[in-house]
Amino acid sequence: MDINVQELHKRLAAGEKINLIDVRENWENQEFNIGGQLIPLGELMNRLYELEDHKNDEIVVYCRSGNRSGMAQALMQAQGFKNVRNLSGGMLAWRDTFGDAKP
């Protein structure tokens, strides 16, 4: 199941602790980010062990537009992660809605 930027922003602004994974490249993350752990999509398979403690927790993956994070979501689900949500529209939707405001 996906999550939209409004719901994610509201939950983060309320101080909710959410496992955020940014699957963009390093330069994209440096340009603008909302605080997620950076694991570029190309490195995700080799770094899933870092997320092993969260296999049953909600994890929100995001990228620039939602495409790479959709791939990350499918990959993680195939590896047994139970509650992976893709941020619909990614950082493009975030910036269209909130500008450069971070939660």
PDB file of N, CA and C in Angstrom:
ATOM      1  N   MET A   1       0.836  -1.186   0.000  1.00  0.00           N
ATOM      2  CA  MET A   1       0.000   0.000   0.000  1.00  0.00           C
ATOM      3  C   MET A   1       0.882   1.251   0.000  1.00  0.00           C
ATOM      4  N   ASP A   2       0.476   2.227  -0.770  1.00  0.00           N
ATOM      5  CA  ASP A   2       1.230   3.467  -0.855  1.00  0.00           C
ATOM      6  C   ASP A   2       0.777   4.452   0.222  1.00  0.00           C
ATOM      7  N   ILE A   3       1.563   5.506   0.361  1.00  0.00           N
ATOM      8  CA  ILE A   3       1.225   6.593   1.277  1.00  0.00           C
ATOM      9  C   ILE A   3       1.407   7.890   0.491  1.00  0.00           C
ATOM     10  N   ASN A   4       0.530   8.868   0.714  1.00  0.00           N
ATOM     11  CA  ASN A   4       0.693  10.134  -0.006  1.00  0.00           C
ATOM     12  C   ASN A   4       1.483  11.128   0.841  1.00  0.00           C
ATOM     13  N   VAL A   5       1.918  12.202   0.198  1.00  0.00           N
ATOM     14  CA  VAL A   5       2.792  13.159   0.887  1.00  0.00           C
ATOM     15  C   VAL A   5       2.069  13.872   2.022  1.00  0.00           C
ATOM     16  N   GLN A   6       0.766  14.112   1.869  1.00  0.00           N
ATOM     17  CA  GLN A   6       0.022  14.791   2.921  1.00  0.00           C
ATOM     18  C   GLN A   6      -0.023  13.941   4.196  1.00  0.00           C
ATOM     19  N   GLU A   7      -0.310  12.650   4.042  1.00  0.00           N
ATOM     20  CA  GLU A   7      -0.369  11.770   5.216  1.00  0.00           C
ATOM     21  C   GLU A   7       1.001  11.650   5.878  1.00  0.00           C
ATOM     22  N   LEU A   8       2.047  11.459   5.067  1.00  0.00           N
ATOM     23  CA  LEU A   8       3.388  11.336   5.633  1.00  0.00           C
ATOM     24  C   LEU A   8       3.792  12.621   6.349  1.00  0.00           C
ATOM     25  N   HIS A   9       3.556  13.764   5.730  1.00  0.00           N
ATOM     26  CA  HIS A   9       3.917  15.046   6.340  1.00  0.00           C
ATOM     27  C   HIS A   9       3.199  15.224   7.677  1.00  0.00           C
ATOM     28  N   LYS A  10       1.910  14.918   7.698  1.00  0.00           N
ATOM     29  CA  LYS A  10       1.120  15.062   8.920  1.00  0.00           C
ATOM     30  C   LYS A  10       1.677  14.184  10.037  1.00  0.00           C
ATOM     31  N   ARG A  11       2.001  12.948   9.713  1.00  0.00           N
ATOM     32  CA  ARG A  11       2.523  12.028  10.726  1.00  0.00           C
ATOM     33  C   ARG A  11       3.904  12.455  11.215  1.00  0.00           C
ATOM     34  N   LEU A  12       4.761  12.898  10.308  1.00  0.00           N
ATOM     35  CA  LEU A  12       6.099  13.355  10.711  1.00  0.00           C
ATOM     36  C   LEU A  12       6.006  14.637  11.537  1.00  0.00           C
ATOM     37  N   ALA A  13       5.144  15.556  11.128  1.00  0.00           N
ATOM     38  CA  ALA A  13       4.987  16.813  11.852  1.00  0.00           C
ATOM     39  C   ALA A  13       4.459  16.575  13.264  1.00  0.00           C
ATOM     40  N   ALA A  14       3.710  15.489  13.438  1.00  0.00           N
ATOM     41  CA  ALA A  14       3.187  15.137  14.765  1.00  0.00           C
ATOM     42  C   ALA A  14       4.237  14.442  15.632  1.00  0.00           C
ATOM     43  N   GLY A  15       5.429  14.239  15.057  1.00  0.00           N
ATOM     44  CA  GLY A  15       6.516  13.639  15.816  1.00  0.00           C
ATOM     45  C   GLY A  15       6.548  12.125  15.775  1.00  0.00           C
ATOM     46  N   GLU A  16       5.742  11.538  14.922  1.00  0.00           N
ATOM     47  CA  GLU A  16       5.718  10.081  14.821  1.00  0.00           C
ATOM     48  C   GLU A  16       7.047   9.580  14.251  1.00  0.00           C
ATOM     49  N   LYS A  17       7.572   8.540  14.855  1.00  0.00           N
ATOM     50  CA  LYS A  17       8.820   7.949  14.376  1.00  0.00           C
ATOM     51  C   LYS A  17       8.474   6.955  13.266  1.00  0.00           C
ATOM     52  N   ILE A  18       8.932   7.250  12.067  1.00  0.00           N
ATOM     53  CA  ILE A  18       8.653   6.415  10.900  1.00  0.00           C
ATOM     54  C   ILE A  18       9.979   6.002  10.286  1.00  0.00           C
ATOM     55  N   ASN A  19      10.077   4.749   9.909  1.00  0.00           N
ATOM     56  CA  ASN A  19      11.272   4.253   9.242  1.00  0.00           C
ATOM     57  C   ASN A  19      11.236   4.714   7.788  1.00  0.00           C
ATOM     58  N   LEU A  20      12.027   5.741   7.480  1.00  0.00           N
ATOM     59  CA  LEU A  20      12.088   6.309   6.132  1.00  0.00           C
ATOM     60  C   LEU A  20      13.352   5.837   5.433  1.00  0.00           C
ATOM     61  N   ILE A  21      13.184   5.343   4.212  1.00  0.00           N
ATOM     62  CA  ILE A  21      14.333   4.928   3.413  1.00  0.00           C
ATOM     63  C   ILE A  21      14.313   5.696   2.095  1.00  0.00           C
ATOM     64  N   ASP A  22      15.370   6.457   1.853  1.00  0.00           N
ATOM     65  CA  ASP A  22      15.541   7.228   0.626  1.00  0.00           C
ATOM     66  C   ASP A  22      16.357   6.372  -0.342  1.00  0.00           C
ATOM     67  N   VAL A  23      15.744   5.964  -1.468  1.00  0.00           N
ATOM     68  CA  VAL A  23      16.454   5.088  -2.409  1.00  0.00           C
ATOM     69  C   VAL A  23      17.027   5.863  -3.593  1.00  0.00           C
ATOM     70  N   ARG A  24      17.112   7.190  -3.455  1.00  0.00           N
ATOM     71  CA  ARG A  24      17.719   8.001  -4.509  1.00  0.00           C
ATOM     72  C   ARG A  24      19.243   7.912  -4.426  1.00  0.00           C
ATOM     73  N   GLU A  25      19.901   8.580  -5.342  1.00  0.00           N
ATOM     74  CA  GLU A  25      21.358   8.654  -5.324  1.00  0.00           C
ATOM     75  C   GLU A  25      21.809   9.702  -4.307  1.00  0.00           C
ATOM     76  N   ASN A  26      23.064   9.615  -3.901  1.00  0.00           N
ATOM     77  CA  ASN A  26      23.621  10.509  -2.891  1.00  0.00           C
ATOM     78  C   ASN A  26      23.416  11.979  -3.247  1.00  0.00           C
ATOM     79  N   TRP A  27      23.694  12.352  -4.494  1.00  0.00           N
ATOM     80  CA  TRP A  27      23.570  13.763  -4.893  1.00  0.00           C
ATOM     81  C   TRP A  27      22.126  14.255  -4.800  1.00  0.00           C
ATOM     82  N   GLU A  28      21.168  13.378  -5.054  1.00  0.00           N
ATOM     83  CA  GLU A  28      19.764  13.769  -4.938  1.00  0.00           C
ATOM     84  C   GLU A  28      19.399  14.013  -3.477  1.00  0.00           C
ATOM     85  N   ASN A  29      19.907  13.144  -2.614  1.00  0.00           N
ATOM     86  CA  ASN A  29      19.654  13.272  -1.185  1.00  0.00           C
ATOM     87  C   ASN A  29      20.271  14.553  -0.644  1.00  0.00           C
ATOM     88  N   GLN A  30      21.471  14.895  -1.123  1.00  0.00           N
ATOM     89  CA  GLN A  30      22.137  16.118  -0.658  1.00  0.00           C
ATOM     90  C   GLN A  30      21.394  17.362  -1.124  1.00  0.00           C
ATOM     91  N   GLU A  31      20.771  17.277  -2.295  1.00  0.00           N
ATOM     92  CA  GLU A  31      20.037  18.414  -2.857  1.00  0.00           C
ATOM     93  C   GLU A  31      18.801  18.744  -2.014  1.00  0.00           C
ATOM     94  N   PHE A  32      18.052  17.691  -1.597  1.00  0.00           N
ATOM     95  CA  PHE A  32      16.869  17.878  -0.760  1.00  0.00           C
ATOM     96  C   PHE A  32      16.485  16.537  -0.165  1.00  0.00           C
ATOM     97  N   ASN A  33      16.230  16.517   1.128  1.00  0.00           N
ATOM     98  CA  ASN A  33      15.782  15.271   1.758  1.00  0.00           C
ATOM     99  C   ASN A  33      14.881  15.587   2.933  1.00  0.00           C
ATOM    100  N   ILE A  34      14.135  14.567   3.349  1.00  0.00           N
ATOM    101  CA  ILE A  34      13.214  14.738   4.472  1.00  0.00           C
ATOM    102  C   ILE A  34      13.657  13.911   5.677  1.00  0.00           C
ATOM    103  N   GLY A  35      14.910  13.486   5.660  1.00  0.00           N
ATOM    104  CA  GLY A  35      15.466  12.847   6.841  1.00  0.00           C
ATOM    105  C   GLY A  35      15.545  11.332   6.816  1.00  0.00           C
ATOM    106  N   GLY A  36      15.241  10.728   5.689  1.00  0.00           N
ATOM    107  CA  GLY A  36      15.303   9.272   5.612  1.00  0.00           C
ATOM    108  C   GLY A  36      16.716   8.740   5.548  1.00  0.00           C
ATOM    109  N   GLN A  37      16.858   7.460   5.860  1.00  0.00           N
ATOM    110  CA  GLN A  37      18.145   6.781   5.740  1.00  0.00           C
ATOM    111  C   GLN A  37      18.430   6.572   4.258  1.00  0.00           C
ATOM    112  N   LEU A  38      19.577   7.007   3.784  1.00  0.00           N
ATOM    113  CA  LEU A  38      19.935   6.893   2.376  1.00  0.00           C
ATOM    114  C   LEU A  38      20.486   5.496   2.075  1.00  0.00           C
ATOM    115  N   ILE A  39      19.745   4.764   1.233  1.00  0.00           N
ATOM    116  CA  ILE A  39      20.213   3.489   0.702  1.00  0.00           C
ATOM    117  C   ILE A  39      19.822   3.490  -0.777  1.00  0.00           C
ATOM    118  N   PRO A  40      20.716   3.947  -1.671  1.00  0.00           N
ATOM    119  CA  PRO A  40      20.375   3.998  -3.091  1.00  0.00           C
ATOM    120  C   PRO A  40      19.863   2.637  -3.589  1.00  0.00           C
ATOM    121  N   LEU A  41      18.913   2.681  -4.510  1.00  0.00           N
ATOM    122  CA  LEU A  41      18.282   1.464  -5.002  1.00  0.00           C
ATOM    123  C   LEU A  41      19.312   0.416  -5.435  1.00  0.00           C
ATOM    124  N   GLY A  42      20.371   0.853  -6.101  1.00  0.00           N
ATOM    125  CA  GLY A  42      21.402  -0.082  -6.568  1.00  0.00           C
ATOM    126  C   GLY A  42      22.142  -0.794  -5.449  1.00  0.00           C
ATOM    127  N   GLU A  43      22.077  -0.270  -4.238  1.00  0.00           N
ATOM    128  CA  GLU A  43      22.750  -0.873  -3.085  1.00  0.00           C
ATOM    129  C   GLU A  43      21.794  -1.622  -2.162  1.00  0.00           C
ATOM    130  N   LEU A  44      20.496  -1.504  -2.423  1.00  0.00           N
ATOM    131  CA  LEU A  44      19.497  -1.993  -1.474  1.00  0.00           C
ATOM    132  C   LEU A  44      19.625  -3.485  -1.181  1.00  0.00           C
ATOM    133  N   MET A  45      19.735  -4.307  -2.200  1.00  0.00           N
ATOM    134  CA  MET A  45      19.811  -5.759  -1.969  1.00  0.00           C
ATOM    135  C   MET A  45      20.967  -6.124  -1.039  1.00  0.00           C
ATOM    136  N   ASN A  46      22.107  -5.468  -1.232  1.00  0.00           N
ATOM    137  CA  ASN A  46      23.290  -5.775  -0.424  1.00  0.00           C
ATOM    138  C   ASN A  46      23.241  -5.143   0.962  1.00  0.00           C
ATOM    139  N   ARG A  47      22.253  -4.281   1.206  1.00  0.00           N
ATOM    140  CA  ARG A  47      22.184  -3.599   2.501  1.00  0.00           C
ATOM    141  C   ARG A  47      20.905  -3.897   3.278  1.00  0.00           C
ATOM    142  N   LEU A  48      20.105  -4.831   2.792  1.00  0.00           N
ATOM    143  CA  LEU A  48      18.861  -5.171   3.494  1.00  0.00           C
ATOM    144  C   LEU A  48      19.110  -5.645   4.919  1.00  0.00           C
ATOM    145  N   TYR A  49      20.286  -6.205   5.162  1.00  0.00           N
ATOM    146  CA  TYR A  49      20.613  -6.657   6.520  1.00  0.00           C
ATOM    147  C   TYR A  49      20.524  -5.498   7.517  1.00  0.00           C
ATOM    148  N   GLU A  50      20.765  -4.270   7.054  1.00  0.00           N
ATOM    149  CA  GLU A  50      20.695  -3.097   7.930  1.00  0.00           C
ATOM    150  C   GLU A  50      19.268  -2.852   8.429  1.00  0.00           C
ATOM    151  N   LEU A  51      18.302  -3.387   7.701  1.00  0.00           N
ATOM    152  CA  LEU A  51      16.892  -3.150   8.030  1.00  0.00           C
ATOM    153  C   LEU A  51      16.222  -4.378   8.630  1.00  0.00           C
ATOM    154  N   GLU A  52      16.984  -5.407   8.871  1.00  0.00           N
ATOM    155  CA  GLU A  52      16.447  -6.697   9.327  1.00  0.00           C
ATOM    156  C   GLU A  52      15.578  -6.554  10.578  1.00  0.00           C
ATOM    157  N   ASP A  53      15.951  -5.661  11.490  1.00  0.00           N
ATOM    158  CA  ASP A  53      15.174  -5.476  12.723  1.00  0.00           C
ATOM    159  C   ASP A  53      13.800  -4.859  12.470  1.00  0.00           C
ATOM    160  N   HIS A  54      13.577  -4.370  11.249  1.00  0.00           N
ATOM    161  CA  HIS A  54      12.317  -3.691  10.924  1.00  0.00           C
ATOM    162  C   HIS A  54      11.450  -4.481   9.952  1.00  0.00           C
ATOM    163  N   LYS A  55      11.711  -5.783   9.823  1.00  0.00           N
ATOM    164  CA  LYS A  55      10.968  -6.600   8.850  1.00  0.00           C
ATOM    165  C   LYS A  55       9.462  -6.560   9.058  1.00  0.00           C
ATOM    166  N   ASN A  56       9.015  -6.406  10.292  1.00  0.00           N
ATOM    167  CA  ASN A  56       7.581  -6.380  10.571  1.00  0.00           C
ATOM    168  C   ASN A  56       7.050  -4.978  10.836  1.00  0.00           C
ATOM    169  N   ASP A  57       7.933  -3.969  10.789  1.00  0.00           N
ATOM    170  CA  ASP A  57       7.540  -2.590  11.052  1.00  0.00           C
ATOM    171  C   ASP A  57       7.147  -1.888   9.754  1.00  0.00           C
ATOM    172  N   GLU A  58       6.435  -0.793   9.901  1.00  0.00           N
ATOM    173  CA  GLU A  58       6.141   0.029   8.731  1.00  0.00           C
ATOM    174  C   GLU A  58       7.433   0.697   8.264  1.00  0.00           C
ATOM    175  N   ILE A  59       7.666   0.617   6.968  1.00  0.00           N
ATOM    176  CA  ILE A  59       8.803   1.294   6.336  1.00  0.00           C
ATOM    177  C   ILE A  59       8.248   2.078   5.156  1.00  0.00           C
ATOM    178  N   VAL A  60       8.614   3.350   5.056  1.00  0.00           N
ATOM    179  CA  VAL A  60       8.216   4.169   3.918  1.00  0.00           C
ATOM    180  C   VAL A  60       9.451   4.387   3.053  1.00  0.00           C
ATOM    181  N   VAL A  61       9.370   3.967   1.797  1.00  0.00           N
ATOM    182  CA  VAL A  61      10.459   4.173   0.845  1.00  0.00           C
ATOM    183  C   VAL A  61      10.078   5.311  -0.090  1.00  0.00           C
ATOM    184  N   TYR A  62      11.073   6.111  -0.465  1.00  0.00           N
ATOM    185  CA  TYR A  62      10.783   7.218  -1.376  1.00  0.00           C
ATOM    186  C   TYR A  62      11.964   7.490  -2.291  1.00  0.00           C
ATOM    187  N   CYS A  63      11.645   8.125  -3.426  1.00  0.00           N
ATOM    188  CA  CYS A  63      12.655   8.522  -4.399  1.00  0.00           C
ATOM    189  C   CYS A  63      12.207   9.848  -5.015  1.00  0.00           C
ATOM    190  N   ARG A  64      12.648  10.136  -6.202  1.00  0.00           N
ATOM    191  CA  ARG A  64      12.294  11.391  -6.850  1.00  0.00           C
ATOM    192  C   ARG A  64      10.820  11.417  -7.248  1.00  0.00           C
ATOM    193  N   SER A  65      10.334  10.339  -7.903  1.00  0.00           N
ATOM    194  CA  SER A  65       8.983  10.358  -8.463  1.00  0.00           C
ATOM    195  C   SER A  65       8.086   9.219  -7.994  1.00  0.00           C
ATOM    196  N   GLY A  66       8.658   8.231  -7.323  1.00  0.00           N
ATOM    197  CA  GLY A  66       7.891   7.068  -6.888  1.00  0.00           C
ATOM    198  C   GLY A  66       8.189   5.803  -7.675  1.00  0.00           C
ATOM    199  N   ASN A  67       8.941   5.921  -8.768  1.00  0.00           N
ATOM    200  CA  ASN A  67       9.247   4.739  -9.581  1.00  0.00           C
ATOM    201  C   ASN A  67      10.294   3.836  -8.933  1.00  0.00           C
ATOM    202  N   ARG A  68      11.444   4.404  -8.583  1.00  0.00           N
ATOM    203  CA  ARG A  68      12.488   3.590  -7.948  1.00  0.00           C
ATOM    204  C   ARG A  68      12.019   3.050  -6.608  1.00  0.00           C
ATOM    205  N   SER A  69      11.291   3.870  -5.858  1.00  0.00           N
ATOM    206  CA  SER A  69      10.814   3.390  -4.561  1.00  0.00           C
ATOM    207  C   SER A  69       9.761   2.295  -4.741  1.00  0.00           C
ATOM    208  N   GLY A  70       9.022   2.322  -5.843  1.00  0.00           N
ATOM    209  CA  GLY A  70       8.105   1.222  -6.142  1.00  0.00           C
ATOM    210  C   GLY A  70       8.866  -0.074  -6.369  1.00  0.00           C
ATOM    211  N   MET A  71      10.003   0.027  -7.053  1.00  0.00           N
ATOM    212  CA  MET A  71      10.854  -1.157  -7.251  1.00  0.00           C
ATOM    213  C   MET A  71      11.424  -1.626  -5.918  1.00  0.00           C
ATOM    214  N   ALA A  72      11.848  -0.680  -5.088  1.00  0.00           N
ATOM    215  CA  ALA A  72      12.391  -1.017  -3.767  1.00  0.00           C
ATOM    216  C   ALA A  72      11.325  -1.702  -2.920  1.00  0.00           C
ATOM    217  N   GLN A  73      10.099  -1.199  -2.984  1.00  0.00           N
ATOM    218  CA  GLN A  73       8.991  -1.784  -2.232  1.00  0.00           C
ATOM    219  C   GLN A  73       8.795  -3.247  -2.635  1.00  0.00           C
ATOM    220  N   ALA A  74       8.740  -3.514  -3.940  1.00  0.00           N
ATOM    221  CA  ALA A  74       8.536  -4.877  -4.426  1.00  0.00           C
ATOM    222  C   ALA A  74       9.696  -5.783  -4.020  1.00  0.00           C
ATOM    223  N   LEU A  75      10.906  -5.272  -4.121  1.00  0.00           N
ATOM    224  CA  LEU A  75      12.090  -6.046  -3.759  1.00  0.00           C
ATOM    225  C   LEU A  75      12.074  -6.400  -2.274  1.00  0.00           C
ATOM    226  N   MET A  76      11.740  -5.423  -1.445  1.00  0.00           N
ATOM    227  CA  MET A  76      11.722  -5.660   0.002  1.00  0.00           C
ATOM    228  C   MET A  76      10.612  -6.631   0.390  1.00  0.00           C
ATOM    229  N   GLN A  77       9.454  -6.500  -0.240  1.00  0.00           N
ATOM    230  CA  GLN A  77       8.359  -7.418   0.048  1.00  0.00           C
ATOM    231  C   GLN A  77       8.745  -8.849  -0.338  1.00  0.00           C
ATOM    232  N   ALA A  78       9.442  -8.989  -1.450  1.00  0.00           N
ATOM    233  CA  ALA A  78       9.894 -10.315  -1.888  1.00  0.00           C
ATOM    234  C   ALA A  78      10.897 -10.917  -0.911  1.00  0.00           C
ATOM    235  N   GLN A  79      11.549 -10.067  -0.122  1.00  0.00           N
ATOM    236  CA  GLN A  79      12.528 -10.532   0.860  1.00  0.00           C
ATOM    237  C   GLN A  79      11.922 -10.664   2.259  1.00  0.00           C
ATOM    238  N   GLY A  80      10.601 -10.579   2.355  1.00  0.00           N
ATOM    239  CA  GLY A  80       9.929 -10.841   3.618  1.00  0.00           C
ATOM    240  C   GLY A  80       9.566  -9.641   4.461  1.00  0.00           C
ATOM    241  N   PHE A  81       9.774  -8.425   3.941  1.00  0.00           N
ATOM    242  CA  PHE A  81       9.364  -7.234   4.681  1.00  0.00           C
ATOM    243  C   PHE A  81       7.850  -7.106   4.553  1.00  0.00           C
ATOM    244  N   LYS A  82       7.170  -6.955   5.685  1.00  0.00           N
ATOM    245  CA  LYS A  82       5.715  -7.093   5.732  1.00  0.00           C
ATOM    246  C   LYS A  82       4.934  -5.812   5.453  1.00  0.00           C
ATOM    247  N   ASN A  83       5.490  -4.638   5.754  1.00  0.00           N
ATOM    248  CA  ASN A  83       4.698  -3.411   5.702  1.00  0.00           C
ATOM    249  C   ASN A  83       5.500  -2.279   5.061  1.00  0.00           C
ATOM    250  N   VAL A  84       5.829  -2.435   3.770  1.00  0.00           N
ATOM    251  CA  VAL A  84       6.607  -1.429   3.054  1.00  0.00           C
ATOM    252  C   VAL A  84       5.642  -0.575   2.237  1.00  0.00           C
ATOM    253  N   ARG A  85       5.730   0.735   2.448  1.00  0.00           N
ATOM    254  CA  ARG A  85       4.843   1.668   1.748  1.00  0.00           C
ATOM    255  C   ARG A  85       5.669   2.587   0.854  1.00  0.00           C
ATOM    256  N   ASN A  86       5.179   2.796  -0.348  1.00  0.00           N
ATOM    257  CA  ASN A  86       5.834   3.659  -1.318  1.00  0.00           C
ATOM    258  C   ASN A  86       5.223   5.059  -1.224  1.00  0.00           C
ATOM    259  N   LEU A  87       6.065   6.086  -1.171  1.00  0.00           N
ATOM    260  CA  LEU A  87       5.581   7.468  -1.145  1.00  0.00           C
ATOM    261  C   LEU A  87       5.147   7.861  -2.557  1.00  0.00           C
ATOM    262  N   SER A  88       3.842   7.985  -2.758  1.00  0.00           N
ATOM    263  CA  SER A  88       3.284   8.327  -4.077  1.00  0.00           C
ATOM    264  C   SER A  88       3.815   9.674  -4.551  1.00  0.00           C
ATOM    265  N   GLY A  89       4.383   9.692  -5.736  1.00  0.00           N
ATOM    266  CA  GLY A  89       4.883  10.935  -6.315  1.00  0.00           C
ATOM    267  C   GLY A  89       6.248  11.359  -5.832  1.00  0.00           C
ATOM    268  N   GLY A  90       6.763  10.713  -4.795  1.00  0.00           N
ATOM    269  CA  GLY A  90       8.111  10.971  -4.298  1.00  0.00           C
ATOM    270  C   GLY A  90       8.375  12.420  -3.910  1.00  0.00           C
ATOM    271  N   MET A  91       9.630  12.807  -4.040  1.00  0.00           N
ATOM    272  CA  MET A  91      10.047  14.155  -3.649  1.00  0.00           C
ATOM    273  C   MET A  91       9.497  15.215  -4.586  1.00  0.00           C
ATOM    274  N   LEU A  92       9.150  14.849  -5.816  1.00  0.00           N
ATOM    275  CA  LEU A  92       8.507  15.822  -6.705  1.00  0.00           C
ATOM    276  C   LEU A  92       7.158  16.243  -6.120  1.00  0.00           C
ATOM    277  N   ALA A  93       6.367  15.267  -5.678  1.00  0.00           N
ATOM    278  CA  ALA A  93       5.062  15.568  -5.073  1.00  0.00           C
ATOM    279  C   ALA A  93       5.239  16.330  -3.764  1.00  0.00           C
ATOM    280  N   TRP A  94       6.254  15.956  -2.988  1.00  0.00           N
ATOM    281  CA  TRP A  94       6.507  16.651  -1.719  1.00  0.00           C
ATOM    282  C   TRP A  94       6.778  18.125  -1.982  1.00  0.00           C
ATOM    283  N   ARG A  95       7.677  18.403  -2.916  1.00  0.00           N
ATOM    284  CA  ARG A  95       8.061  19.789  -3.181  1.00  0.00           C
ATOM    285  C   ARG A  95       6.924  20.566  -3.846  1.00  0.00           C
ATOM    286  N   ASP A  96       6.117  19.895  -4.672  1.00  0.00           N
ATOM    287  CA  ASP A  96       4.952  20.553  -5.271  1.00  0.00           C
ATOM    288  C   ASP A  96       3.950  20.956  -4.194  1.00  0.00           C
ATOM    289  N   THR A  97       3.857  20.140  -3.139  1.00  0.00           N
ATOM    290  CA  THR A  97       2.872  20.374  -2.081  1.00  0.00           C
ATOM    291  C   THR A  97       3.405  21.279  -0.978  1.00  0.00           C
ATOM    292  N   PHE A  98       4.642  21.043  -0.543  1.00  0.00           N
ATOM    293  CA  PHE A  98       5.189  21.741   0.623  1.00  0.00           C
ATOM    294  C   PHE A  98       6.400  22.611   0.322  1.00  0.00           C
ATOM    295  N   GLY A  99       6.816  22.685  -0.922  1.00  0.00           N
ATOM    296  CA  GLY A  99       8.039  23.414  -1.249  1.00  0.00           C
ATOM    297  C   GLY A  99       9.226  22.707  -0.626  1.00  0.00           C
ATOM    298  N   ASP A 100      10.165  23.459  -0.119  1.00  0.00           N
ATOM    299  CA  ASP A 100      11.351  22.878   0.507  1.00  0.00           C
ATOM    300  C   ASP A 100      11.177  22.683   2.011  1.00  0.00           C
ATOM    301  N   ALA A 101       9.952  22.802   2.475  1.00  0.00           N
ATOM    302  CA  ALA A 101       9.694  22.641   3.913  1.00  0.00           C
ATOM    303  C   ALA A 101       9.872  21.193   4.318  1.00  0.00           C
ATOM    304  N   LYS A 102      10.625  21.014   5.367  1.00  0.00           N
ATOM    305  CA  LYS A 102      10.804  19.678   5.930  1.00  0.00           C
ATOM    306  C   LYS A 102       9.812  19.515   7.072  1.00  0.00           C
ATOM    307  N   PRO A 103       9.435  18.288   7.382  1.00  0.00           N
ATOM    308  CA  PRO A 103       8.448  18.079   8.444  1.00  0.00           C
ATOM    309  C   PRO A 103       8.946  18.547   9.799  1.00  0.00           C
TER     310      PRO A 103
END
